[in-house]
PDB file of N, CA and C in Angstrom:
ATOM      1  N   MET A   1       0.832  -1.182   0.000  1.00  0.00           N
ATOM      2  CA  MET A   1       0.000   0.000   0.000  1.00  0.00           C
ATOM      3  C   MET A   1       0.881   1.252   0.000  1.00  0.00           C
ATOM      4  N   GLY A   2       0.300   2.349  -0.382  1.00  0.00           N
ATOM      5  CA  GLY A   2       1.042   3.600  -0.448  1.00  0.00           C
ATOM      6  C   GLY A   2       1.269   4.204   0.921  1.00  0.00           C
ATOM      7  N   LYS A   3       2.022   5.276   0.910  1.00  0.00           N
ATOM      8  CA  LYS A   3       2.297   5.985   2.158  1.00  0.00           C
ATOM      9  C   LYS A   3       1.022   6.649   2.652  1.00  0.00           C
ATOM     10  N   GLU A   4       0.922   6.706   3.962  1.00  0.00           N
ATOM     11  CA  GLU A   4      -0.221   7.368   4.581  1.00  0.00           C
ATOM     12  C   GLU A   4      -0.039   8.872   4.460  1.00  0.00           C
ATOM     13  N   LYS A   5      -1.094   9.561   4.045  1.00  0.00           N
ATOM     14  CA  LYS A   5      -1.027  11.017   3.925  1.00  0.00           C
ATOM     15  C   LYS A   5      -1.007  11.634   5.314  1.00  0.00           C
ATOM     16  N   LYS A   6      -0.298  12.739   5.408  1.00  0.00           N
ATOM     17  CA  LYS A   6      -0.218  13.444   6.679  1.00  0.00           C
ATOM     18  C   LYS A   6      -1.614  13.888   7.102  1.00  0.00           C
ATOM     19  N   GLY A   7      -1.949  13.588   8.347  1.00  0.00           N
ATOM     20  CA  GLY A   7      -3.256  13.966   8.857  1.00  0.00           C
ATOM     21  C   GLY A   7      -4.368  12.974   8.506  1.00  0.00           C
ATOM     22  N   TRP A   8      -4.039  11.930   7.730  1.00  0.00           N
ATOM     23  CA  TRP A   8      -5.037  10.950   7.317  1.00  0.00           C
ATOM     24  C   TRP A   8      -5.111   9.835   8.344  1.00  0.00           C
ATOM     25  N   ARG A   9      -6.308   9.487   8.758  1.00  0.00           N
ATOM     26  CA  ARG A   9      -6.495   8.379   9.698  1.00  0.00           C
ATOM     27  C   ARG A   9      -7.488   7.408   9.109  1.00  0.00           C
ATOM     28  N   PHE A  10      -7.123   6.169   9.119  1.00  0.00           N
ATOM     29  CA  PHE A  10      -8.016   5.123   8.636  1.00  0.00           C
ATOM     30  C   PHE A  10      -8.982   4.759   9.751  1.00  0.00           C
ATOM     31  N   THR A  11     -10.242   4.754   9.429  1.00  0.00           N
ATOM     32  CA  THR A  11     -11.230   4.294  10.401  1.00  0.00           C
ATOM     33  C   THR A  11     -12.042   3.192   9.746  1.00  0.00           C
ATOM     34  N   ALA A  12     -12.226   2.142  10.476  1.00  0.00           N
ATOM     35  CA  ALA A  12     -12.987   1.007   9.958  1.00  0.00           C
ATOM     36  C   ALA A  12     -14.320   0.948  10.672  1.00  0.00           C
ATOM     37  N   SER A  13     -15.349   0.673   9.907  1.00  0.00           N
ATOM     38  CA  SER A  13     -16.642   0.474  10.543  1.00  0.00           C
ATOM     39  C   SER A  13     -16.877  -1.022  10.595  1.00  0.00           C
ATOM     40  N   GLU A  14     -17.457  -1.470  11.667  1.00  0.00           N
ATOM     41  CA  GLU A  14     -17.697  -2.895  11.869  1.00  0.00           C
ATOM     42  C   GLU A  14     -19.072  -3.268  11.346  1.00  0.00           C
ATOM     43  N   LEU A  15     -19.137  -4.443  10.756  1.00  0.00           N
ATOM     44  CA  LEU A  15     -20.414  -4.975  10.298  1.00  0.00           C
ATOM     45  C   LEU A  15     -21.275  -5.210  11.538  1.00  0.00           C
ATOM     46  N   PRO A  16     -22.495  -4.696  11.566  1.00  0.00           N
ATOM     47  CA  PRO A  16     -23.353  -4.904  12.738  1.00  0.00           C
ATOM     48  C   PRO A  16     -23.501  -6.395  13.055  1.00  0.00           C
ATOM     49  N   ALA A  17     -23.541  -6.713  14.344  1.00  0.00           N
ATOM     50  CA  ALA A  17     -23.573  -8.106  14.802  1.00  0.00           C
ATOM     51  C   ALA A  17     -24.701  -8.905  14.177  1.00  0.00           C
ATOM     52  N   ASP A  18     -25.884  -8.316  14.045  1.00  0.00           N
ATOM     53  CA  ASP A  18     -27.015  -9.066  13.475  1.00  0.00           C
ATOM     54  C   ASP A  18     -26.790  -9.365  11.996  1.00  0.00           C
ATOM     55  N   GLU A  19     -26.181  -8.441  11.264  1.00  0.00           N
ATOM     56  CA  GLU A  19     -25.885  -8.677   9.852  1.00  0.00           C
ATOM     57  C   GLU A  19     -24.784  -9.722   9.694  1.00  0.00           C
ATOM     58  N   ARG A  20     -23.781  -9.656  10.570  1.00  0.00           N
ATOM     59  CA  ARG A  20     -22.694 -10.629  10.538  1.00  0.00           C
ATOM     60  C   ARG A  20     -23.244 -12.031  10.808  1.00  0.00           C
ATOM     61  N   LYS A  21     -24.116 -12.139  11.802  1.00  0.00           N
ATOM     62  CA  LYS A  21     -24.711 -13.432  12.155  1.00  0.00           C
ATOM     63  C   LYS A  21     -25.521 -13.989  10.982  1.00  0.00           C
ATOM     64  N   GLU A  22     -26.306 -13.147  10.345  1.00  0.00           N
ATOM     65  CA  GLU A  22     -27.127 -13.573   9.207  1.00  0.00           C
ATOM     66  C   GLU A  22     -26.252 -14.021   8.034  1.00  0.00           C
ATOM     67  N   LEU A  23     -25.178 -13.297   7.780  1.00  0.00           N
ATOM     68  CA  LEU A  23     -24.271 -13.660   6.692  1.00  0.00           C
ATOM     69  C   LEU A  23     -23.598 -15.001   6.982  1.00  0.00           C
ATOM     70  N   LEU A  24     -23.141 -15.203   8.216  1.00  0.00           N
ATOM     71  CA  LEU A  24     -22.527 -16.477   8.584  1.00  0.00           C
ATOM     72  C   LEU A  24     -23.523 -17.630   8.464  1.00  0.00           C
ATOM     73  N   LEU A  25     -24.780 -17.388   8.818  1.00  0.00           N
ATOM     74  CA  LEU A  25     -25.813 -18.421   8.669  1.00  0.00           C
ATOM     75  C   LEU A  25     -25.999 -18.800   7.198  1.00  0.00           C
ATOM     76  N   LYS A  26     -26.054 -17.802   6.333  1.00  0.00           N
ATOM     77  CA  LYS A  26     -26.206 -18.055   4.896  1.00  0.00           C
ATOM     78  C   LYS A  26     -25.009 -18.819   4.348  1.00  0.00           C
ATOM     79  N   MET A  27     -23.823 -18.424   4.781  1.00  0.00           N
ATOM     80  CA  MET A  27     -22.616 -19.109   4.331  1.00  0.00           C
ATOM     81  C   MET A  27     -22.613 -20.563   4.809  1.00  0.00           C
ATOM     82  N   GLY A  28     -23.001 -20.762   6.052  1.00  0.00           N
ATOM     83  CA  GLY A  28     -23.060 -22.111   6.608  1.00  0.00           C
ATOM     84  C   GLY A  28     -24.050 -22.988   5.869  1.00  0.00           C
ATOM     85  N   ARG A  29     -25.203 -22.426   5.548  1.00  0.00           N
ATOM     86  CA  ARG A  29     -26.218 -23.195   4.798  1.00  0.00           C
ATOM     87  C   ARG A  29     -25.707 -23.586   3.421  1.00  0.00           C
ATOM     88  N   LEU A  30     -25.002 -22.667   2.780  1.00  0.00           N
ATOM     89  CA  LEU A  30     -24.464 -22.943   1.453  1.00  0.00           C
ATOM     90  C   LEU A  30     -23.370 -24.013   1.511  1.00  0.00           C
ATOM     91  N   ILE A  31     -22.519 -23.941   2.513  1.00  0.00           N
ATOM     92  CA  ILE A  31     -21.485 -24.961   2.702  1.00  0.00           C
ATOM     93  C   ILE A  31     -22.140 -26.318   2.964  1.00  0.00           C
ATOM     94  N   LYS A  32     -23.145 -26.321   3.820  1.00  0.00           N
ATOM     95  CA  LYS A  32     -23.835 -27.574   4.144  1.00  0.00           C
ATOM     96  C   LYS A  32     -24.506 -28.174   2.911  1.00  0.00           C
ATOM     97  N   ALA A  33     -25.174 -27.359   2.128  1.00  0.00           N
ATOM     98  CA  ALA A  33     -25.852 -27.855   0.918  1.00  0.00           C
ATOM     99  C   ALA A  33     -24.843 -28.462  -0.052  1.00  0.00           C
ATOM    100  N   ALA A  34     -23.707 -27.798  -0.214  1.00  0.00           N
ATOM    101  CA  ALA A  34     -22.667 -28.316  -1.116  1.00  0.00           C
ATOM    102  C   ALA A  34     -22.109 -29.625  -0.580  1.00  0.00           C
ATOM    103  N   ARG A  35     -21.902 -29.698   0.711  1.00  0.00           N
ATOM    104  CA  ARG A  35     -21.375 -30.913   1.327  1.00  0.00           C
ATOM    105  C   ARG A  35     -22.377 -32.056   1.229  1.00  0.00           C
ATOM    106  N   GLU A  36     -23.670 -31.778   1.468  1.00  0.00           N
ATOM    107  CA  GLU A  36     -24.704 -32.816   1.413  1.00  0.00           C
ATOM    108  C   GLU A  36     -24.861 -33.405   0.014  1.00  0.00           C
ATOM    109  N   GLU A  37     -24.587 -32.611  -1.006  1.00  0.00           N
ATOM    110  CA  GLU A  37     -24.639 -33.132  -2.381  1.00  0.00           C
ATOM    111  C   GLU A  37     -23.551 -34.175  -2.607  1.00  0.00           C
ATOM    112  N   ARG A  38     -22.517 -34.086  -1.799  1.00  0.00           N
ATOM    113  CA  ARG A  38     -21.342 -34.921  -2.010  1.00  0.00           C
ATOM    114  C   ARG A  38     -21.263 -36.129  -1.079  1.00  0.00           C
ATOM    115  N   THR A  39     -21.472 -35.907   0.229  1.00  0.00           N
ATOM    116  CA  THR A  39     -21.237 -36.972   1.203  1.00  0.00           C
ATOM    117  C   THR A  39     -21.827 -36.617   2.560  1.00  0.00           C
ATOM    118  N   THR A  40     -21.593 -37.482   3.527  1.00  0.00           N
ATOM    119  CA  THR A  40     -22.079 -37.240   4.889  1.00  0.00           C
ATOM    120  C   THR A  40     -21.135 -36.288   5.620  1.00  0.00           C
ATOM    121  N   LEU A  41     -21.629 -35.738   6.693  1.00  0.00           N
ATOM    122  CA  LEU A  41     -20.826 -34.837   7.523  1.00  0.00           C
ATOM    123  C   LEU A  41     -19.585 -35.561   8.027  1.00  0.00           C
ATOM    124  N   GLU A  42     -19.766 -36.756   8.538  1.00  0.00           N
ATOM    125  CA  GLU A  42     -18.653 -37.517   9.104  1.00  0.00           C
ATOM    126  C   GLU A  42     -17.559 -37.799   8.064  1.00  0.00           C
ATOM    127  N   LYS A  43     -17.964 -38.258   6.893  1.00  0.00           N
ATOM    128  CA  LYS A  43     -16.988 -38.568   5.842  1.00  0.00           C
ATOM    129  C   LYS A  43     -16.282 -37.312   5.356  1.00  0.00           C
ATOM    130  N   PHE A  44     -17.047 -36.246   5.178  1.00  0.00           N
ATOM    131  CA  PHE A  44     -16.441 -34.998   4.696  1.00  0.00           C
ATOM    132  C   PHE A  44     -15.455 -34.443   5.710  1.00  0.00           C
ATOM    133  N   ALA A  45     -15.841 -34.431   6.972  1.00  0.00           N
ATOM    134  CA  ALA A  45     -14.960 -33.912   8.018  1.00  0.00           C
ATOM    135  C   ALA A  45     -13.647 -34.694   8.035  1.00  0.00           C
ATOM    136  N   GLN A  46     -13.743 -35.995   7.855  1.00  0.00           N
ATOM    137  CA  GLN A  46     -12.544 -36.831   7.836  1.00  0.00           C
ATOM    138  C   GLN A  46     -11.685 -36.503   6.605  1.00  0.00           C
ATOM    139  N   GLU A  47     -12.316 -36.383   5.444  1.00  0.00           N
ATOM    140  CA  GLU A  47     -11.584 -36.054   4.208  1.00  0.00           C
ATOM    141  C   GLU A  47     -10.902 -34.692   4.313  1.00  0.00           C
ATOM    142  N   ALA A  48     -11.629 -33.717   4.843  1.00  0.00           N
ATOM    143  CA  ALA A  48     -11.122 -32.346   4.931  1.00  0.00           C
ATOM    144  C   ALA A  48     -10.192 -32.137   6.126  1.00  0.00           C
ATOM    145  N   LYS A  49     -10.092 -33.173   6.983  1.00  0.00           N
ATOM    146  CA  LYS A  49      -9.259 -33.096   8.189  1.00  0.00           C
ATOM    147  C   LYS A  49      -9.704 -31.957   9.105  1.00  0.00           C
ATOM    148  N   ILE A  50     -11.011 -31.910   9.305  1.00  0.00           N
ATOM    149  CA  ILE A  50     -11.626 -30.931  10.203  1.00  0.00           C
ATOM    150  C   ILE A  50     -12.479 -31.728  11.186  1.00  0.00           C
ATOM    151  N   PRO A  51     -12.359 -31.467  12.481  1.00  0.00           N
ATOM    152  CA  PRO A  51     -13.185 -32.204  13.431  1.00  0.00           C
ATOM    153  C   PRO A  51     -14.679 -32.080  13.081  1.00  0.00           C
ATOM    154  N   LYS A  52     -15.388 -33.180  13.219  1.00  0.00           N
ATOM    155  CA  LYS A  52     -16.810 -33.212  12.868  1.00  0.00           C
ATOM    156  C   LYS A  52     -17.602 -32.152  13.634  1.00  0.00           C
ATOM    157  N   THR A  53     -17.294 -31.966  14.907  1.00  0.00           N
ATOM    158  CA  THR A  53     -18.024 -30.961  15.700  1.00  0.00           C
ATOM    159  C   THR A  53     -17.770 -29.556  15.175  1.00  0.00           C
ATOM    160  N   GLN A  54     -16.527 -29.292  14.762  1.00  0.00           N
ATOM    161  CA  GLN A  54     -16.202 -27.972  14.200  1.00  0.00           C
ATOM    162  C   GLN A  54     -16.934 -27.780  12.880  1.00  0.00           C
ATOM    163  N   MET A  55     -16.954 -28.821  12.060  1.00  0.00           N
ATOM    164  CA  MET A  55     -17.643 -28.755  10.770  1.00  0.00           C
ATOM    165  C   MET A  55     -19.120 -28.458  10.975  1.00  0.00           C
ATOM    166  N   ALA A  56     -19.737 -29.134  11.939  1.00  0.00           N
ATOM    167  CA  ALA A  56     -21.158 -28.914  12.233  1.00  0.00           C
ATOM    168  C   ALA A  56     -21.405 -27.466  12.673  1.00  0.00           C
ATOM    169  N   LYS A  57     -20.490 -26.911  13.456  1.00  0.00           N
ATOM    170  CA  LYS A  57     -20.624 -25.513  13.896  1.00  0.00           C
ATOM    171  C   LYS A  57     -20.564 -24.558  12.702  1.00  0.00           C
ATOM    172  N   HIS A  58     -19.642 -24.823  11.781  1.00  0.00           N
ATOM    173  CA  HIS A  58     -19.516 -23.958  10.605  1.00  0.00           C
ATOM    174  C   HIS A  58     -20.774 -24.038   9.739  1.00  0.00           C
ATOM    175  N   GLU A  59     -21.308 -25.238   9.573  1.00  0.00           N
ATOM    176  CA  GLU A  59     -22.531 -25.394   8.781  1.00  0.00           C
ATOM    177  C   GLU A  59     -23.730 -24.725   9.445  1.00  0.00           C
ATOM    178  N   ALA A  60     -23.667 -24.573  10.770  1.00  0.00           N
ATOM    179  CA  ALA A  60     -24.750 -23.926  11.510  1.00  0.00           C
ATOM    180  C   ALA A  60     -24.563 -22.417  11.595  1.00  0.00           C
ATOM    181  N   GLY A  61     -23.521 -21.892  10.931  1.00  0.00           N
ATOM    182  CA  GLY A  61     -23.315 -20.448  10.922  1.00  0.00           C
ATOM    183  C   GLY A  61     -22.287 -19.950  11.910  1.00  0.00           C
ATOM    184  N   GLY A  62     -21.481 -20.861  12.445  1.00  0.00           N
ATOM    185  CA  GLY A  62     -20.436 -20.450  13.375  1.00  0.00           C
ATOM    186  C   GLY A  62     -19.308 -19.738  12.654  1.00  0.00           C
ATOM    187  N   ASP A  63     -18.671 -18.845  13.364  1.00  0.00           N
ATOM    188  CA  ASP A  63     -17.552 -18.090  12.798  1.00  0.00           C
ATOM    189  C   ASP A  63     -16.383 -19.032  12.533  1.00  0.00           C
ATOM    190  N   MET A  64     -15.550 -18.679  11.567  1.00  0.00           N
ATOM    191  CA  MET A  64     -14.385 -19.501  11.253  1.00  0.00           C
ATOM    192  C   MET A  64     -13.255 -18.625  10.742  1.00  0.00           C
ATOM    193  N   LEU A  65     -12.074 -19.169  10.830  1.00  0.00           N
ATOM    194  CA  LEU A  65     -10.914 -18.488  10.275  1.00  0.00           C
ATOM    195  C   LEU A  65     -10.989 -18.517   8.752  1.00  0.00           C
ATOM    196  N   LEU A  66     -10.368 -17.550   8.126  1.00  0.00           N
ATOM    197  CA  LEU A  66     -10.315 -17.509   6.671  1.00  0.00           C
ATOM    198  C   LEU A  66      -9.628 -18.764   6.136  1.00  0.00           C
ATOM    199  N   SER A  67      -8.582 -19.211   6.802  1.00  0.00           N
ATOM    200  CA  SER A  67      -7.871 -20.410   6.352  1.00  0.00           C
ATOM    201  C   SER A  67      -8.783 -21.636   6.404  1.00  0.00           C
ATOM    202  N   THR A  68      -9.635 -21.718   7.395  1.00  0.00           N
ATOM    203  CA  THR A  68     -10.589 -22.832   7.494  1.00  0.00           C
ATOM    204  C   THR A  68     -11.622 -22.736   6.385  1.00  0.00           C
ATOM    205  N   PHE A  69     -12.109 -21.540   6.134  1.00  0.00           N
ATOM    206  CA  PHE A  69     -13.078 -21.317   5.063  1.00  0.00           C
ATOM    207  C   PHE A  69     -12.507 -21.753   3.713  1.00  0.00           C
ATOM    208  N   LEU A  70     -11.269 -21.346   3.442  1.00  0.00           N
ATOM    209  CA  LEU A  70     -10.627 -21.719   2.178  1.00  0.00           C
ATOM    210  C   LEU A  70     -10.386 -23.223   2.107  1.00  0.00           C
ATOM    211  N   LYS A  71     -10.044 -23.823   3.227  1.00  0.00           N
ATOM    212  CA  LYS A  71      -9.844 -25.281   3.291  1.00  0.00           C
ATOM    213  C   LYS A  71     -11.145 -26.007   2.955  1.00  0.00           C
ATOM    214  N   LEU A  72     -12.259 -25.518   3.490  1.00  0.00           N
ATOM    215  CA  LEU A  72     -13.571 -26.111   3.200  1.00  0.00           C
ATOM    216  C   LEU A  72     -13.915 -25.982   1.721  1.00  0.00           C
ATOM    217  N   LEU A  73     -13.718 -24.799   1.179  1.00  0.00           N
ATOM    218  CA  LEU A  73     -14.021 -24.597  -0.243  1.00  0.00           C
ATOM    219  C   LEU A  73     -13.172 -25.514  -1.113  1.00  0.00           C
ATOM    220  N   TYR A  74     -11.892 -25.636  -0.781  1.00  0.00           N
ATOM    221  CA  TYR A  74     -11.000 -26.494  -1.545  1.00  0.00           C
ATOM    222  C   TYR A  74     -11.480 -27.945  -1.475  1.00  0.00           C
ATOM    223  N   ALA A  75     -11.828 -28.396  -0.278  1.00  0.00           N
ATOM    224  CA  ALA A  75     -12.307 -29.769  -0.092  1.00  0.00           C
ATOM    225  C   ALA A  75     -13.614 -30.016  -0.838  1.00  0.00           C
ATOM    226  N   LEU A  76     -14.427 -28.967  -0.983  1.00  0.00           N
ATOM    227  CA  LEU A  76     -15.693 -29.090  -1.717  1.00  0.00           C
ATOM    228  C   LEU A  76     -15.502 -28.908  -3.219  1.00  0.00           C
ATOM    229  N   GLY A  77     -14.311 -28.463  -3.617  1.00  0.00           N
ATOM    230  CA  GLY A  77     -14.045 -28.230  -5.038  1.00  0.00           C
ATOM    231  C   GLY A  77     -14.728 -26.979  -5.561  1.00  0.00           C
ATOM    232  N   ILE A  78     -14.852 -25.977  -4.696  1.00  0.00           N
ATOM    233  CA  ILE A  78     -15.529 -24.721  -5.056  1.00  0.00           C
ATOM    234  C   ILE A  78     -14.520 -23.574  -5.015  1.00  0.00           C
ATOM    235  N   GLU A  79     -14.485 -22.798  -6.075  1.00  0.00           N
ATOM    236  CA  GLU A  79     -13.651 -21.595  -6.099  1.00  0.00           C
ATOM    237  C   GLU A  79     -14.329 -20.516  -5.251  1.00  0.00           C
ATOM    238  N   PRO A  80     -13.559 -19.688  -4.532  1.00  0.00           N
ATOM    239  CA  PRO A  80     -14.162 -18.633  -3.715  1.00  0.00           C
ATOM    240  C   PRO A  80     -15.119 -17.738  -4.504  1.00  0.00           C
ATOM    241  N   GLU A  81     -14.733 -17.383  -5.732  1.00  0.00           N
ATOM    242  CA  GLU A  81     -15.591 -16.520  -6.550  1.00  0.00           C
ATOM    243  C   GLU A  81     -16.939 -17.186  -6.811  1.00  0.00           C
ATOM    244  N   GLU A  82     -16.895 -18.471  -7.098  1.00  0.00           N
ATOM    245  CA  GLU A  82     -18.121 -19.234  -7.354  1.00  0.00           C
ATOM    246  C   GLU A  82     -18.995 -19.282  -6.099  1.00  0.00           C
ATOM    247  N   PHE A  83     -18.365 -19.481  -4.946  1.00  0.00           N
ATOM    248  CA  PHE A  83     -19.099 -19.533  -3.688  1.00  0.00           C
ATOM    249  C   PHE A  83     -19.848 -18.229  -3.438  1.00  0.00           C
ATOM    250  N   PHE A  84     -19.142 -17.108  -3.608  1.00  0.00           N
ATOM    251  CA  PHE A  84     -19.773 -15.817  -3.327  1.00  0.00           C
ATOM    252  C   PHE A  84     -20.819 -15.436  -4.372  1.00  0.00           C
ATOM    253  N   ARG A  85     -20.629 -15.874  -5.608  1.00  0.00           N
ATOM    254  CA  ARG A  85     -21.684 -15.664  -6.621  1.00  0.00           C
ATOM    255  C   ARG A  85     -22.949 -16.414  -6.211  1.00  0.00           C
ATOM    256  N   GLU A  86     -22.775 -17.657  -5.779  1.00  0.00           N
ATOM    257  CA  GLU A  86     -23.919 -18.460  -5.342  1.00  0.00           C
ATOM    258  C   GLU A  86     -24.562 -17.854  -4.097  1.00  0.00           C
ATOM    259  N   LEU A  87     -23.754 -17.372  -3.195  1.00  0.00           N
ATOM    260  CA  LEU A  87     -24.268 -16.733  -1.985  1.00  0.00           C
ATOM    261  C   LEU A  87     -25.095 -15.503  -2.335  1.00  0.00           C
ATOM    262  N   GLU A  88     -24.623 -14.744  -3.308  1.00  0.00           N
ATOM    263  CA  GLU A  88     -25.345 -13.550  -3.755  1.00  0.00           C
ATOM    264  C   GLU A  88     -26.681 -13.929  -4.385  1.00  0.00           C
ATOM    265  N   LYS A  89     -26.709 -15.001  -5.177  1.00  0.00           N
ATOM    266  CA  LYS A  89     -27.956 -15.468  -5.791  1.00  0.00           C
ATOM    267  C   LYS A  89     -28.976 -15.831  -4.723  1.00  0.00           C
ATOM    268  N   LYS A  90     -28.520 -16.521  -3.690  1.00  0.00           N
ATOM    269  CA  LYS A  90     -29.415 -16.963  -2.620  1.00  0.00           C
ATOM    270  C   LYS A  90     -29.932 -15.785  -1.807  1.00  0.00           C
ATOM    271  N   ASP A  91     -29.204 -14.679  -1.837  1.00  0.00           N
ATOM    272  CA  ASP A  91     -29.578 -13.493  -1.074  1.00  0.00           C
ATOM    273  C   ASP A  91     -30.709 -12.717  -1.741  1.00  0.00           C
ATOM    274  N   LYS A  92     -30.941 -12.998  -3.028  1.00  0.00           N
ATOM    275  CA  LYS A  92     -31.959 -12.236  -3.767  1.00  0.00           C
ATOM    276  C   LYS A  92     -33.298 -12.884  -3.695  1.00  0.00           C
TER     277      LYS A  92
END
């Protein structure tokens, strides 16, 4: 990134908790639907090397690390761009 301008301060606004929760729920549902088309929770968790309980939490809308999210998409054979396009379709 470029140099910070003198007197310039970056301020970030946080996504409201209710919107964040709703987005995570939608993402979890989409991950679950993709996984169910392929296999059971137990088999997928084993293949993806993610504990079954953690996988169930993510499918239920639990928060996750970006690295875990990418690992799930890779295991499902879904490109991030494709995932977010599908998520956007479901939002309409």
